[in-house]
Amino acid sequence: MLSRTAGSGLSAASTIWRPEKSTSSHKHQDITTMRPHFDFYALTLAITLALMAPAHAYEPTVKAGAEPALDAIALADHGLTTALAALPELVNNTLERSGVPGAAVAVVHEGKTIFAQGFGVRQMGRHEPVDPSTVFQIASISKSLTATVIAMAVTKDVVSWDDPVLRYLPKFKLSDPYVTAHATIGDFMAHRSGLPLAAGDELEDLGYGREQVIERLSQLPLDAFRNSYHYANFGTTIAAVAVAAAANKPWEKLAAETLFEPLGMQSTSTLHADYVARENRAVLHAYEGGTFQPLYDRDPDAQAPAGGVSSNVLDLAKWMKFLLADGKHQGKPLATPASLLAALSPRSLSGPPRTPLARSQFYGYGFNVGTTAGGHTTFGHSGAFLLGAGTAFQILPAAGVGIVVLTNGSPVGVPESINASFMDMVQFGKPLRDWYGAYHANMMDFYDPEGDLAGKTRPEDPLPAQPLQAYTGYYENAYFGTARIVLEDDTLALIIGPGKQRLTMSHWNADTFAVTPQTENAPPGSQSSVSFLMDDNKINAFAVNYLDQNGLATWHRRSTP
């Protein structure tokens, strides 16, 4: 999951990079100032000498493919050997820099698992080590597994990527009738349906189940259909539920019977209860106060196809080998290359280039897809829970190599940077930059407090509130459901959602109160207003800022309980 993403971001997690400010332009200005009379003849001589220089003064080794689209920089000699030798130290150093308590890593190559190792501990303060069999919550890597299940269903003619969801979910509805009728399984898997960023996540936070969330998405405003990209966990979930309906099986059973069982992924499940029951499991560690602490549990069953899978690196290695083998397991075809290629092809522009020099970033059906600095195609995905998980895998088909890194700490750039450094060594013989430093700096944005009152102080001389009893009662909202405001011991509390989430309200100013959000994506320091509205000198409505991303977070008083 991780809805607070600037394009999956991490949620989708393509390469994240903010370049340092360059001083090269200033240097150039200094040189031209010092040499104002650099004339045409000198320039002509310089060009002539350059043209006369040996043709191989700088010529990277380019490997020509069977067609121009396959041409790319040749992989480094012994790059994989170099990367494998450096991997244990790379992982240990990255864990030490970050403070993440534990990780497991696996590498596959040409149909074999050539590296599988655990690092650190399963839980801070205890001594049980992480090993290759340790089960982690893999968060949004689940999306790529879901795409694989769907590709296998496409192979069996159960569905097509281009089938409208409405064909299998006749009660399904979005706010635009055209999108309702035409949005396909592929559209939802590519985050191009027009649903807003993180659509439905706020409902899950309040305790709504899968069916309830999907039903309420019909009230959300939509962006441009097939011409926008908004990472949405429940978009992926809609696609999976439609495929499960076509197969006449619950999604959890379909995933197990279609993918996990045939590949022998015995430690993989879409059910949170199965993860909790594992004796050898990694505990979530949230990043709070600059340290990692085992504070929370995260039950993602409502959006299991998008973020609810638990697994270990040994099982995920089997899956990566299956992908690299074009859908074959131990020589037996379980998915056609065409059905998988559909998922691994660019479908949405997830990261537009900032300049004409930059490569674009793309999303397929449940996979981030792109091109490396060496011209090689690559695909993968990151996963994260702010409550305490960070995961990523990356596959480089040209090298026949895949790597997966699972960690038990909130997202701070550990798995992504390990993968990037490893793949750099495979391609170029060495890392191109400090990937951890780059990823870490960017991911710190995830920990910015939420809400309009975050970082603010209460007015020194606030206007008085109404008598507190005037605010109490039941309020209705078509999207978020019933809320109740109660008065206990001279303090107001907002009770909201099926989970009866209780938010203590402290007076801020006049008819505005402050609450501390209790959601996965509201880091420490978050603070939001609850503002009451008057009509005929009576309190008849209130709005909650931190829930108002889509303009739907206003409740109106119900006349009777």
Protein backbone atom coordinates (compact mmCIF):
# COMPACT_ATOMS: atom_id res chain seq x y z
CA MET A 1 0.00 0.00 0.00
CA LEU A 2 1.35 3.45 0.82
CA SER A 3 -1.07 5.91 -0.64
CA ARG A 4 1.02 8.99 0.16
CA THR A 5 3.00 8.61 -3.02
CA ALA A 6 3.99 10.98 -5.75
CA GLY A 7 3.41 8.41 -8.40
CA SER A 8 3.70 4.94 -6.35
CA GLY A 9 5.08 5.73 -5.85
CA LEU A 10 6.10 4.17 -4.12
CA SER A 11 3.30 3.10 -4.61
CA ALA A 12 4.44 2.55 -7.31
CA ALA A 13 8.02 2.89 -7.00
CA SER A 14 9.94 3.78 -10.04
CA THR A 15 13.36 5.35 -9.66
CA ILE A 16 13.06 8.33 -7.34
CA TRP A 17 15.74 10.96 -7.77
CA ARG A 18 16.14 14.63 -7.06
CA PRO A 19 19.36 15.85 -8.67
CA GLU A 20 21.72 18.01 -6.69
CA LYS A 21 22.01 21.60 -7.85
CA SER A 22 24.75 21.75 -10.45
CA THR A 23 27.45 24.40 -10.43
CA SER A 24 28.58 23.59 -13.95
CA SER A 25 26.75 26.56 -15.46
CA HIS A 26 28.56 28.93 -13.11
CA LYS A 27 31.87 27.40 -14.07
CA HIS A 28 31.05 27.87 -17.71
CA GLN A 29 30.22 31.53 -17.10
CA ASP A 30 33.55 32.00 -15.34
CA ILE A 31 35.43 30.57 -18.30
CA THR A 32 33.69 32.75 -20.85
CA THR A 33 34.31 35.80 -18.70
CA MET A 34 38.00 35.01 -18.52
CA ARG A 35 38.28 34.33 -22.28
CA PRO A 36 36.04 36.85 -24.07
CA HIS A 37 38.05 36.84 -27.29
CA PHE A 38 37.94 33.11 -28.01
CA ASP A 39 37.69 33.49 -31.84
CA PHE A 40 36.22 31.58 -34.75
CA TYR A 41 39.56 30.25 -36.00
CA ALA A 42 40.45 28.70 -32.68
CA LEU A 43 37.02 27.08 -32.59
CA THR A 44 37.45 25.74 -36.12
CA LEU A 45 40.86 24.30 -35.24
CA ALA A 46 39.43 22.60 -32.15
CA ILE A 47 36.65 20.98 -34.15
CA THR A 48 39.09 19.84 -36.85
CA LEU A 49 41.41 18.26 -34.29
CA ALA A 50 38.46 16.53 -32.65
CA LEU A 51 37.36 15.05 -35.95
CA MET A 52 40.91 13.84 -36.62
CA ALA A 53 41.13 12.09 -33.23
CA PRO A 54 40.88 8.29 -33.14
CA ALA A 55 37.29 7.10 -33.59
CA HIS A 56 37.47 5.05 -30.39
CA ALA A 57 38.41 7.90 -28.04
CA TYR A 58 35.10 7.20 -26.29
CA GLU A 59 32.91 4.40 -27.50
CA PRO A 60 30.81 2.34 -25.14
CA THR A 61 30.37 -1.25 -26.14
CA VAL A 62 26.97 -1.53 -27.75
CA LYS A 63 25.50 -4.95 -28.29
CA ALA A 64 23.40 -4.98 -31.44
CA GLY A 65 20.27 -7.06 -31.14
CA ALA A 66 18.24 -8.89 -33.75
CA GLU A 67 16.35 -5.63 -34.28
CA PRO A 68 17.08 -1.99 -33.36
CA ALA A 69 14.75 -2.08 -30.36
CA LEU A 70 17.04 -4.71 -28.80
CA ASP A 71 20.26 -2.69 -29.11
CA ALA A 72 21.73 -1.76 -25.71
CA ILE A 73 24.97 -1.20 -23.85
CA ALA A 74 26.67 -4.54 -23.25
CA LEU A 75 26.50 -5.83 -19.69
CA ALA A 76 29.67 -5.48 -17.64
CA ASP A 77 32.11 -8.38 -17.76
CA HIS A 78 31.58 -10.45 -14.62
CA GLY A 79 28.96 -7.93 -13.46
CA LEU A 80 26.75 -10.53 -11.80
CA THR A 81 29.73 -12.09 -10.03
CA THR A 82 30.77 -8.66 -8.78
CA ALA A 83 27.25 -7.86 -7.61
CA LEU A 84 26.82 -11.15 -5.74
CA ALA A 85 30.16 -10.77 -3.98
CA ALA A 86 29.25 -7.27 -2.84
CA LEU A 87 25.64 -8.03 -1.86
CA PRO A 88 26.05 -9.13 1.80
CA GLU A 89 28.12 -6.08 2.68
CA LEU A 90 25.73 -3.85 0.73
CA VAL A 91 22.75 -5.15 2.70
CA ASN A 92 24.49 -4.96 6.07
CA ASN A 93 25.73 -1.44 5.43
CA THR A 94 22.31 -0.27 4.29
CA LEU A 95 20.61 -1.74 7.36
CA GLU A 96 23.19 -0.06 9.56
CA ARG A 97 22.74 3.32 7.85
CA SER A 98 18.97 3.15 8.03
CA GLY A 99 18.37 1.45 11.35
CA VAL A 100 15.91 -1.02 9.77
CA PRO A 101 16.05 -4.12 12.01
CA GLY A 102 15.83 -6.91 9.46
CA ALA A 103 15.81 -7.94 5.81
CA ALA A 104 15.79 -10.98 3.56
CA VAL A 105 17.19 -11.06 0.04
CA ALA A 106 17.03 -13.51 -2.85
CA VAL A 107 18.59 -13.41 -6.32
CA VAL A 108 17.65 -15.59 -9.27
CA HIS A 109 19.54 -16.17 -12.50
CA GLU A 110 18.80 -18.36 -15.50
CA GLY A 111 16.22 -20.47 -13.68
CA LYS A 112 18.13 -20.91 -10.42
CA THR A 113 18.03 -19.26 -7.02
CA ILE A 114 21.67 -18.27 -6.62
CA PHE A 115 21.42 -16.23 -3.41
CA ALA A 116 19.04 -16.36 -0.45
CA GLN A 117 19.98 -14.91 2.93
CA GLY A 118 18.50 -13.23 5.96
CA PHE A 119 19.97 -10.25 7.79
CA GLY A 120 19.22 -8.74 11.17
CA VAL A 121 16.32 -9.68 13.44
CA ARG A 122 12.63 -10.32 13.09
CA GLN A 123 11.76 -8.01 15.97
CA MET A 124 13.71 -5.24 17.62
CA GLY A 125 14.73 -6.14 21.17
CA ARG A 126 14.60 -9.87 20.52
CA HIS A 127 17.20 -12.24 19.14
CA GLU A 128 15.33 -14.33 16.56
CA PRO A 129 17.24 -13.82 13.28
CA VAL A 130 15.72 -13.25 9.88
CA ASP A 131 16.42 -16.17 7.57
CA PRO A 132 15.35 -16.92 3.98
CA SER A 133 12.18 -18.63 5.24
CA THR A 134 11.03 -15.66 7.33
CA VAL A 135 7.62 -14.43 6.17
CA PHE A 136 7.10 -10.70 5.61
CA GLN A 137 4.12 -8.60 4.65
CA ILE A 138 5.09 -7.64 1.11
CA ALA A 139 2.62 -4.74 0.67
CA SER A 140 2.33 -3.52 -2.94
CA ILE A 141 4.47 -6.25 -4.47
CA SER A 142 1.06 -7.92 -4.14
CA LYS A 143 -0.03 -5.96 -7.22
CA SER A 144 2.51 -7.74 -9.40
CA LEU A 145 1.45 -11.12 -8.05
CA THR A 146 -2.16 -10.18 -8.78
CA ALA A 147 -1.20 -9.25 -12.33
CA THR A 148 0.44 -12.65 -12.70
CA VAL A 149 -2.71 -14.42 -11.50
CA ILE A 150 -4.75 -12.44 -14.02
CA ALA A 151 -2.28 -13.27 -16.82
CA MET A 152 -2.76 -16.94 -16.00
CA ALA A 153 -6.54 -16.46 -16.07
CA VAL A 154 -6.17 -14.78 -19.47
CA THR A 155 -4.18 -17.81 -20.64
CA LYS A 156 -7.09 -20.03 -19.64
CA ASP A 157 -9.60 -17.75 -21.45
CA VAL A 158 -11.35 -17.01 -18.18
CA VAL A 159 -11.02 -13.28 -18.90
CA SER A 160 -9.27 -10.83 -21.19
CA TRP A 161 -7.29 -7.80 -20.09
CA ASP A 162 -9.73 -5.78 -22.19
CA ASP A 163 -12.92 -7.13 -20.63
CA PRO A 164 -15.10 -4.47 -18.98
CA VAL A 165 -15.33 -4.97 -15.23
CA LEU A 166 -19.11 -4.48 -15.48
CA ARG A 167 -19.36 -7.78 -17.40
CA TYR A 168 -18.47 -9.68 -14.23
CA LEU A 169 -19.64 -7.21 -11.58
CA PRO A 170 -23.10 -6.14 -12.81
CA LYS A 171 -23.70 -3.91 -9.76
CA PHE A 172 -20.42 -2.06 -10.18
CA LYS A 173 -20.74 1.70 -10.60
CA LEU A 174 -18.56 4.79 -10.85
CA SER A 175 -19.71 8.41 -10.99
CA ASP A 176 -19.43 8.54 -14.80
CA PRO A 177 -21.79 6.15 -16.66
CA TYR A 178 -19.42 5.87 -19.63
CA VAL A 179 -16.49 4.86 -17.42
CA THR A 180 -18.73 2.43 -15.55
CA ALA A 181 -19.62 0.71 -18.83
CA HIS A 182 -16.19 0.74 -20.46
CA ALA A 183 -13.49 0.56 -17.76
CA THR A 184 -11.63 -2.72 -18.21
CA ILE A 185 -9.65 -5.05 -16.00
CA GLY A 186 -6.54 -3.58 -17.60
CA ASP A 187 -7.64 0.00 -16.93
CA PHE A 188 -7.86 -0.64 -13.21
CA MET A 189 -4.60 -2.59 -13.14
CA ALA A 190 -2.84 0.34 -14.88
CA HIS A 191 -4.31 3.02 -12.55
CA ARG A 192 -5.87 4.82 -15.53
CA SER A 193 -9.57 4.53 -14.67
CA GLY A 194 -9.75 8.13 -13.43
CA LEU A 195 -10.19 7.19 -9.78
CA PRO A 196 -8.31 9.70 -7.59
CA LEU A 197 -5.06 8.95 -5.81
CA ALA A 198 -5.53 6.43 -2.98
CA ALA A 199 -9.26 6.18 -3.65
CA GLY A 200 -10.95 4.23 -0.87
CA ASP A 201 -7.94 4.03 1.44
CA GLU A 202 -9.58 6.49 3.84
CA LEU A 203 -12.62 4.22 4.04
CA GLU A 204 -10.46 1.19 4.80
CA ASP A 205 -8.78 3.21 7.58
CA LEU A 206 -12.22 3.73 9.13
CA GLY A 207 -13.01 0.01 9.13
CA TYR A 208 -14.96 -0.53 5.92
CA GLY A 209 -14.62 -3.90 4.21
CA ARG A 210 -13.79 -4.62 0.59
CA GLU A 211 -17.34 -4.70 -0.80
CA GLN A 212 -18.35 -1.58 1.14
CA VAL A 213 -15.37 0.39 -0.14
CA ILE A 214 -15.90 -0.61 -3.78
CA GLU A 215 -19.60 0.29 -3.55
CA ARG A 216 -18.86 3.76 -2.15
CA LEU A 217 -16.27 4.57 -4.83
CA SER A 218 -19.25 5.43 -7.06
CA GLN A 219 -19.44 8.79 -5.28
CA LEU A 220 -15.90 9.93 -6.05
CA PRO A 221 -15.19 12.48 -8.78
CA LEU A 222 -13.15 11.04 -11.65
CA ASP A 223 -10.19 12.39 -13.57
CA ALA A 224 -9.71 11.87 -17.31
CA PHE A 225 -10.45 8.28 -18.29
CA ARG A 226 -7.37 6.56 -19.79
CA ASN A 227 -5.55 9.86 -19.86
CA SER A 228 -4.57 10.15 -16.20
CA TYR A 229 -2.54 8.11 -13.74
CA HIS A 230 -3.55 7.90 -10.08
CA TYR A 231 -2.19 5.08 -7.94
CA ALA A 232 -5.16 3.45 -6.21
CA ASN A 233 -5.09 0.25 -4.18
CA PHE A 234 -8.80 -0.32 -4.61
CA GLY A 235 -8.48 0.05 -8.37
CA THR A 236 -6.26 -3.02 -8.37
CA THR A 237 -8.72 -4.67 -6.00
CA ILE A 238 -11.65 -4.00 -8.35
CA ALA A 239 -9.80 -5.72 -11.20
CA ALA A 240 -9.01 -8.75 -9.04
CA VAL A 241 -12.56 -9.05 -7.74
CA ALA A 242 -13.86 -8.98 -11.32
CA VAL A 243 -11.49 -11.79 -12.36
CA ALA A 244 -12.48 -13.81 -9.28
CA ALA A 245 -16.14 -13.37 -10.20
CA ALA A 246 -15.42 -14.58 -13.73
CA ALA A 247 -13.72 -17.66 -12.26
CA ASN A 248 -16.57 -18.09 -9.76
CA LYS A 249 -14.14 -18.24 -6.83
CA PRO A 250 -13.14 -15.92 -4.00
CA TRP A 251 -9.99 -14.01 -4.86
CA GLU A 252 -8.03 -15.64 -2.04
CA LYS A 253 -8.81 -19.12 -3.38
CA LEU A 254 -8.18 -18.14 -6.99
CA ALA A 255 -4.73 -16.73 -6.21
CA ALA A 256 -3.77 -19.82 -4.23
CA GLU A 257 -5.00 -22.35 -6.78
CA THR A 258 -3.77 -20.46 -9.84
CA LEU A 259 -0.32 -19.27 -8.75
CA PHE A 260 0.85 -20.11 -5.25
CA GLU A 261 0.13 -23.85 -5.25
CA PRO A 262 1.39 -24.67 -8.78
CA LEU A 263 4.67 -22.84 -8.10
CA GLY A 264 5.10 -24.45 -4.66
CA MET A 265 4.85 -21.11 -2.84
CA GLN A 266 3.87 -22.76 0.43
CA SER A 267 4.56 -19.74 2.64
CA THR A 268 2.55 -17.28 0.54
CA SER A 269 -1.00 -16.17 1.32
CA THR A 270 -3.44 -13.33 0.72
CA LEU A 271 -4.95 -13.71 4.22
CA HIS A 272 -3.68 -11.67 7.14
CA ALA A 273 -4.63 -14.47 9.55
CA ASP A 274 -2.15 -16.76 7.80
CA TYR A 275 0.64 -14.23 8.25
CA VAL A 276 -0.15 -13.79 11.94
CA ALA A 277 -0.14 -17.56 12.42
CA ARG A 278 3.41 -17.96 11.03
CA GLU A 279 5.91 -18.65 13.77
CA ASN A 280 8.79 -17.43 11.61
CA ARG A 281 7.47 -13.99 10.65
CA ALA A 282 8.94 -10.51 10.64
CA VAL A 283 7.18 -7.95 12.82
CA LEU A 284 6.36 -4.49 11.45
CA HIS A 285 8.52 -1.61 12.71
CA ALA A 286 7.27 1.95 12.33
CA TYR A 287 9.68 4.83 11.84
CA GLU A 288 8.79 7.30 14.58
CA GLY A 289 10.98 9.78 16.37
CA GLY A 290 13.92 8.86 14.15
CA THR A 291 13.95 5.20 15.23
CA PHE A 292 12.21 1.97 14.28
CA GLN A 293 9.78 0.55 16.82
CA PRO A 294 7.46 -2.51 16.75
CA LEU A 295 4.24 -0.62 17.44
CA TYR A 296 1.49 -1.71 15.05
CA ASP A 297 -0.30 -4.50 13.24
CA ARG A 298 -1.56 -3.93 9.71
CA ASP A 299 -4.51 -5.99 8.46
CA PRO A 300 -4.78 -5.31 4.70
CA ASP A 301 -7.42 -7.96 3.88
CA ALA A 302 -9.83 -5.38 2.43
CA GLN A 303 -7.32 -4.58 -0.33
CA ALA A 304 -5.49 -7.92 -0.35
CA PRO A 305 -4.99 -8.02 -4.15
CA ALA A 306 -3.19 -4.66 -3.93
CA GLY A 307 -1.25 -4.97 -0.68
CA GLY A 308 -2.29 -7.95 1.41
CA VAL A 309 0.05 -10.78 0.42
CA SER A 310 2.58 -12.21 2.86
CA SER A 311 5.49 -14.32 1.63
CA ASN A 312 9.20 -15.04 1.94
CA VAL A 313 12.08 -14.55 -0.47
CA LEU A 314 12.29 -18.25 -1.31
CA ASP A 315 8.70 -18.25 -2.61
CA LEU A 316 9.13 -14.96 -4.42
CA ALA A 317 12.29 -16.33 -6.06
CA LYS A 318 10.17 -19.12 -7.56
CA TRP A 319 7.78 -16.50 -8.92
CA MET A 320 10.58 -14.36 -10.40
CA LYS A 321 12.00 -17.43 -12.15
CA PHE A 322 8.51 -18.08 -13.55
CA LEU A 323 8.38 -14.53 -14.95
CA LEU A 324 11.87 -14.81 -16.45
CA ALA A 325 10.86 -18.13 -18.04
CA ASP A 326 7.95 -16.47 -19.90
CA GLY A 327 5.33 -18.25 -17.85
CA LYS A 328 6.89 -21.68 -17.52
CA HIS A 329 7.45 -23.52 -14.25
CA GLN A 330 9.84 -26.47 -14.39
CA GLY A 331 9.35 -26.50 -18.15
CA LYS A 332 5.55 -26.54 -17.96
CA PRO A 333 3.74 -23.52 -19.48
CA LEU A 334 1.24 -22.01 -17.01
CA ALA A 335 0.89 -18.62 -18.71
CA THR A 336 1.48 -17.60 -22.30
CA PRO A 337 4.28 -15.13 -23.03
CA ALA A 338 1.68 -12.86 -24.62
CA SER A 339 -0.50 -12.70 -21.52
CA LEU A 340 2.52 -11.78 -19.37
CA LEU A 341 3.96 -9.35 -21.90
CA ALA A 342 0.67 -7.45 -21.79
CA ALA A 343 1.26 -6.83 -18.08
CA LEU A 344 4.93 -5.94 -18.59
CA SER A 345 4.29 -3.38 -21.33
CA PRO A 346 3.85 0.37 -20.67
CA ARG A 347 0.18 1.22 -20.18
CA SER A 348 0.25 4.49 -18.22
CA LEU A 349 2.70 7.36 -18.02
CA SER A 350 3.44 7.25 -14.30
CA GLY A 351 6.43 9.63 -14.31
CA PRO A 352 6.54 12.31 -17.01
CA PRO A 353 10.06 13.56 -17.74
CA ARG A 354 11.12 16.85 -16.16
CA THR A 355 13.28 17.72 -19.18
CA PRO A 356 13.74 16.38 -22.74
CA LEU A 357 16.91 14.65 -21.50
CA ALA A 358 15.13 12.51 -18.92
CA ARG A 359 13.60 9.09 -19.42
CA SER A 360 9.90 8.70 -18.72
CA GLN A 361 8.55 6.22 -16.20
CA PHE A 362 5.70 3.87 -17.00
CA TYR A 363 3.27 1.51 -15.32
CA GLY A 364 2.01 -1.69 -16.91
CA TYR A 365 -0.64 -3.95 -15.46
CA GLY A 366 0.57 -4.19 -11.87
CA PHE A 367 4.24 -3.63 -12.69
CA ASN A 368 6.50 -0.61 -12.91
CA VAL A 369 8.22 -0.90 -16.29
CA GLY A 370 11.01 1.15 -17.80
CA THR A 371 14.45 1.34 -19.34
CA THR A 372 17.77 1.48 -17.54
CA ALA A 373 20.68 3.83 -18.21
CA GLY A 374 22.16 1.05 -20.34
CA GLY A 375 19.11 0.80 -22.56
CA HIS A 376 17.83 -2.45 -21.04
CA THR A 377 14.20 -3.04 -20.14
CA THR A 378 13.41 -3.61 -16.49
CA PHE A 379 10.32 -4.23 -14.42
CA GLY A 380 9.47 -4.49 -10.74
CA HIS A 381 7.53 -2.91 -7.91
CA SER A 382 7.98 -1.50 -4.43
CA GLY A 383 5.73 -2.01 -1.45
CA ALA A 384 5.36 -0.17 1.82
CA PHE A 385 3.29 0.29 4.92
CA LEU A 386 4.10 3.38 6.97
CA LEU A 387 3.21 1.17 9.91
CA GLY A 388 6.35 -0.84 9.29
CA ALA A 389 7.13 -2.58 5.97
CA GLY A 390 9.35 -1.77 2.99
CA THR A 391 9.79 -4.17 0.06
CA ALA A 392 10.89 -4.18 -3.57
CA PHE A 393 11.82 -6.49 -6.42
CA GLN A 394 13.44 -5.78 -9.77
CA ILE A 395 14.02 -7.95 -12.81
CA LEU A 396 16.51 -7.30 -15.62
CA PRO A 397 15.53 -9.65 -18.47
CA ALA A 398 18.68 -8.97 -20.50
CA ALA A 399 20.77 -10.46 -17.72
CA GLY A 400 18.25 -13.13 -16.77
CA VAL A 401 18.46 -11.74 -13.24
CA GLY A 402 15.92 -10.85 -10.58
CA ILE A 403 16.36 -9.61 -7.01
CA VAL A 404 13.83 -9.24 -4.19
CA VAL A 405 14.41 -7.47 -0.87
CA LEU A 406 11.93 -7.66 2.01
CA THR A 407 12.33 -5.56 5.16
CA ASN A 408 10.45 -5.11 8.42
CA GLY A 409 10.80 -1.33 8.62
CA SER A 410 8.78 1.60 7.30
CA PRO A 411 9.85 2.89 3.87
CA VAL A 412 13.14 4.79 4.08
CA GLY A 413 14.72 3.58 0.82
CA VAL A 414 16.37 0.33 1.90
CA PRO A 415 15.00 -2.27 -0.56
CA GLU A 416 14.92 0.11 -3.51
CA SER A 417 18.51 1.24 -3.01
CA ILE A 418 19.83 -2.30 -2.56
CA ASN A 419 18.12 -3.35 -5.80
CA ALA A 420 19.37 -0.30 -7.69
CA SER A 421 22.96 -0.73 -6.51
CA PHE A 422 22.91 -4.45 -7.28
CA MET A 423 21.54 -3.94 -10.79
CA ASP A 424 24.07 -1.17 -11.45
CA MET A 425 26.85 -3.62 -10.66
CA VAL A 426 25.29 -6.23 -12.93
CA GLN A 427 25.14 -3.74 -15.80
CA PHE A 428 28.11 -1.41 -15.23
CA GLY A 429 30.35 -3.17 -12.72
CA LYS A 430 29.72 -0.60 -9.96
CA PRO A 431 26.91 1.51 -8.48
CA LEU A 432 26.38 4.77 -10.34
CA ARG A 433 25.56 6.77 -7.20
CA ASP A 434 24.66 6.58 -3.52
CA TRP A 435 21.24 5.12 -4.07
CA TYR A 436 20.34 4.92 -0.40
CA GLY A 437 21.05 8.60 0.10
CA ALA A 438 18.88 9.47 -2.90
CA TYR A 439 15.94 7.27 -2.00
CA HIS A 440 16.06 8.10 1.69
CA ALA A 441 15.93 11.86 1.12
CA ASN A 442 12.90 11.54 -1.12
CA MET A 443 11.00 9.12 1.08
CA MET A 444 11.19 11.41 4.08
CA ASP A 445 8.28 13.28 2.50
CA PHE A 446 6.07 10.37 3.54
CA TYR A 447 6.57 11.38 7.16
CA ASP A 448 5.34 14.95 6.80
CA PRO A 449 2.38 15.45 9.17
CA GLU A 450 -1.11 15.58 7.67
CA GLY A 451 -3.94 18.03 8.31
CA ASP A 452 -4.48 21.76 8.10
CA LEU A 453 -3.52 22.34 11.74
CA ALA A 454 -0.24 20.38 11.65
CA GLY A 455 2.59 22.49 13.01
CA LYS A 456 0.24 25.25 14.11
CA THR A 457 -0.51 26.53 17.61
CA ARG A 458 -3.91 27.38 19.01
CA PRO A 459 -4.77 31.09 18.97
CA GLU A 460 -3.74 32.80 22.20
CA ASP A 461 -7.16 34.42 22.58
CA PRO A 462 -9.62 32.08 20.81
CA LEU A 463 -13.26 32.91 20.31
CA PRO A 464 -15.48 30.85 22.61
CA ALA A 465 -17.29 27.74 21.48
CA GLN A 466 -21.01 27.07 21.79
CA PRO A 467 -22.12 25.10 24.83
CA LEU A 468 -20.50 21.71 24.10
CA GLN A 469 -23.83 19.90 24.23
CA ALA A 470 -24.87 21.86 21.12
CA TYR A 471 -22.38 19.92 19.00
CA THR A 472 -23.42 16.43 20.07
CA GLY A 473 -25.60 14.07 18.07
CA TYR A 474 -25.66 11.89 14.98
CA TYR A 475 -24.49 13.15 11.60
CA GLU A 476 -24.78 11.56 8.15
CA ASN A 477 -22.46 11.41 5.16
CA ALA A 478 -23.22 9.36 2.05
CA TYR A 479 -19.56 8.45 1.47
CA PHE A 480 -18.14 8.09 4.97
CA GLY A 481 -21.34 6.96 6.71
CA THR A 482 -22.74 7.85 10.10
CA ALA A 483 -20.70 9.78 12.66
CA ARG A 484 -21.54 10.56 16.23
CA ILE A 485 -20.28 13.32 18.46
CA VAL A 486 -20.49 12.62 22.17
CA LEU A 487 -19.71 14.61 25.30
CA GLU A 488 -17.95 12.81 28.15
CA ASP A 489 -16.27 14.47 31.13
CA ASP A 490 -16.58 17.89 29.49
CA THR A 491 -14.72 16.68 26.39
CA LEU A 492 -16.12 16.11 22.90
CA ALA A 493 -15.23 13.04 20.88
CA LEU A 494 -15.92 12.17 17.24
CA ILE A 495 -16.84 8.51 16.66
CA ILE A 496 -16.64 7.58 13.01
CA GLY A 497 -16.81 4.55 10.71
CA PRO A 498 -17.68 0.88 11.20
CA GLY A 499 -14.55 0.53 13.32
CA LYS A 500 -15.94 3.14 15.74
CA GLN A 501 -12.74 5.13 15.51
CA ARG A 502 -12.73 7.62 18.37
CA LEU A 503 -11.07 11.03 17.97
CA THR A 504 -10.82 13.31 20.98
CA MET A 505 -11.72 16.89 20.06
CA SER A 506 -9.99 19.86 21.63
CA HIS A 507 -11.30 23.38 21.17
CA TRP A 508 -9.28 25.48 18.73
CA ASN A 509 -11.24 28.62 17.93
CA ALA A 510 -14.95 29.47 17.80
CA ASP A 511 -16.71 26.48 16.22
CA THR A 512 -13.50 24.76 15.14
CA PHE A 513 -11.98 21.85 17.05
CA ALA A 514 -8.72 19.94 16.56
CA VAL A 515 -8.31 16.16 16.25
CA THR A 516 -5.33 13.87 15.79
CA PRO A 517 -5.94 11.57 12.79
CA GLN A 518 -5.62 7.84 13.48
CA THR A 519 -4.82 6.48 10.05
CA GLU A 520 -1.91 4.63 8.51
CA ASN A 521 -1.00 7.62 6.39
CA ALA A 522 -1.09 10.28 9.12
CA PRO A 523 2.40 10.36 10.69
CA PRO A 524 3.09 11.71 14.20
CA GLY A 525 2.44 15.42 14.40
CA SER A 526 -0.64 15.27 12.18
CA GLN A 527 -3.48 17.51 13.30
CA SER A 528 -6.73 18.36 11.55
CA SER A 529 -9.61 20.73 12.03
CA VAL A 530 -13.21 19.70 12.57
CA SER A 531 -15.21 22.79 11.66
CA PHE A 532 -18.88 23.11 12.55
CA LEU A 533 -21.40 24.96 10.39
CA MET A 534 -24.43 26.92 11.59
CA ASP A 535 -27.93 27.19 10.14
CA ASP A 536 -30.70 29.17 11.83
CA ASN A 537 -28.39 29.63 14.82
CA LYS A 538 -28.06 25.87 15.23
CA ILE A 539 -25.14 23.51 14.59
CA ASN A 540 -26.24 21.42 11.62
CA ALA A 541 -23.04 20.14 9.96
CA PHE A 542 -19.28 19.69 10.32
CA ALA A 543 -16.34 19.15 7.97
CA VAL A 544 -13.18 17.12 8.68
CA ASN A 545 -10.15 18.50 6.88
CA TYR A 546 -7.88 15.44 6.79
CA LEU A 547 -10.59 13.36 5.12
CA ASP A 548 -11.55 15.98 2.55
CA GLN A 549 -9.14 15.12 -0.29
CA ASN A 550 -12.08 14.67 -2.66
CA GLY A 551 -14.48 17.24 -1.20
CA LEU A 552 -16.76 14.68 0.44
CA ALA A 553 -15.94 15.06 4.14
CA THR A 554 -18.94 17.12 5.32
CA TRP A 555 -21.49 15.51 7.62
CA HIS A 556 -25.04 16.83 8.16
CA ARG A 557 -27.01 16.45 11.36
CA ARG A 558 -29.52 13.65 11.47
CA SER A 559 -32.84 14.68 12.96
CA THR A 560 -33.39 11.37 14.79
CA PRO A 561 -30.88 8.80 16.12
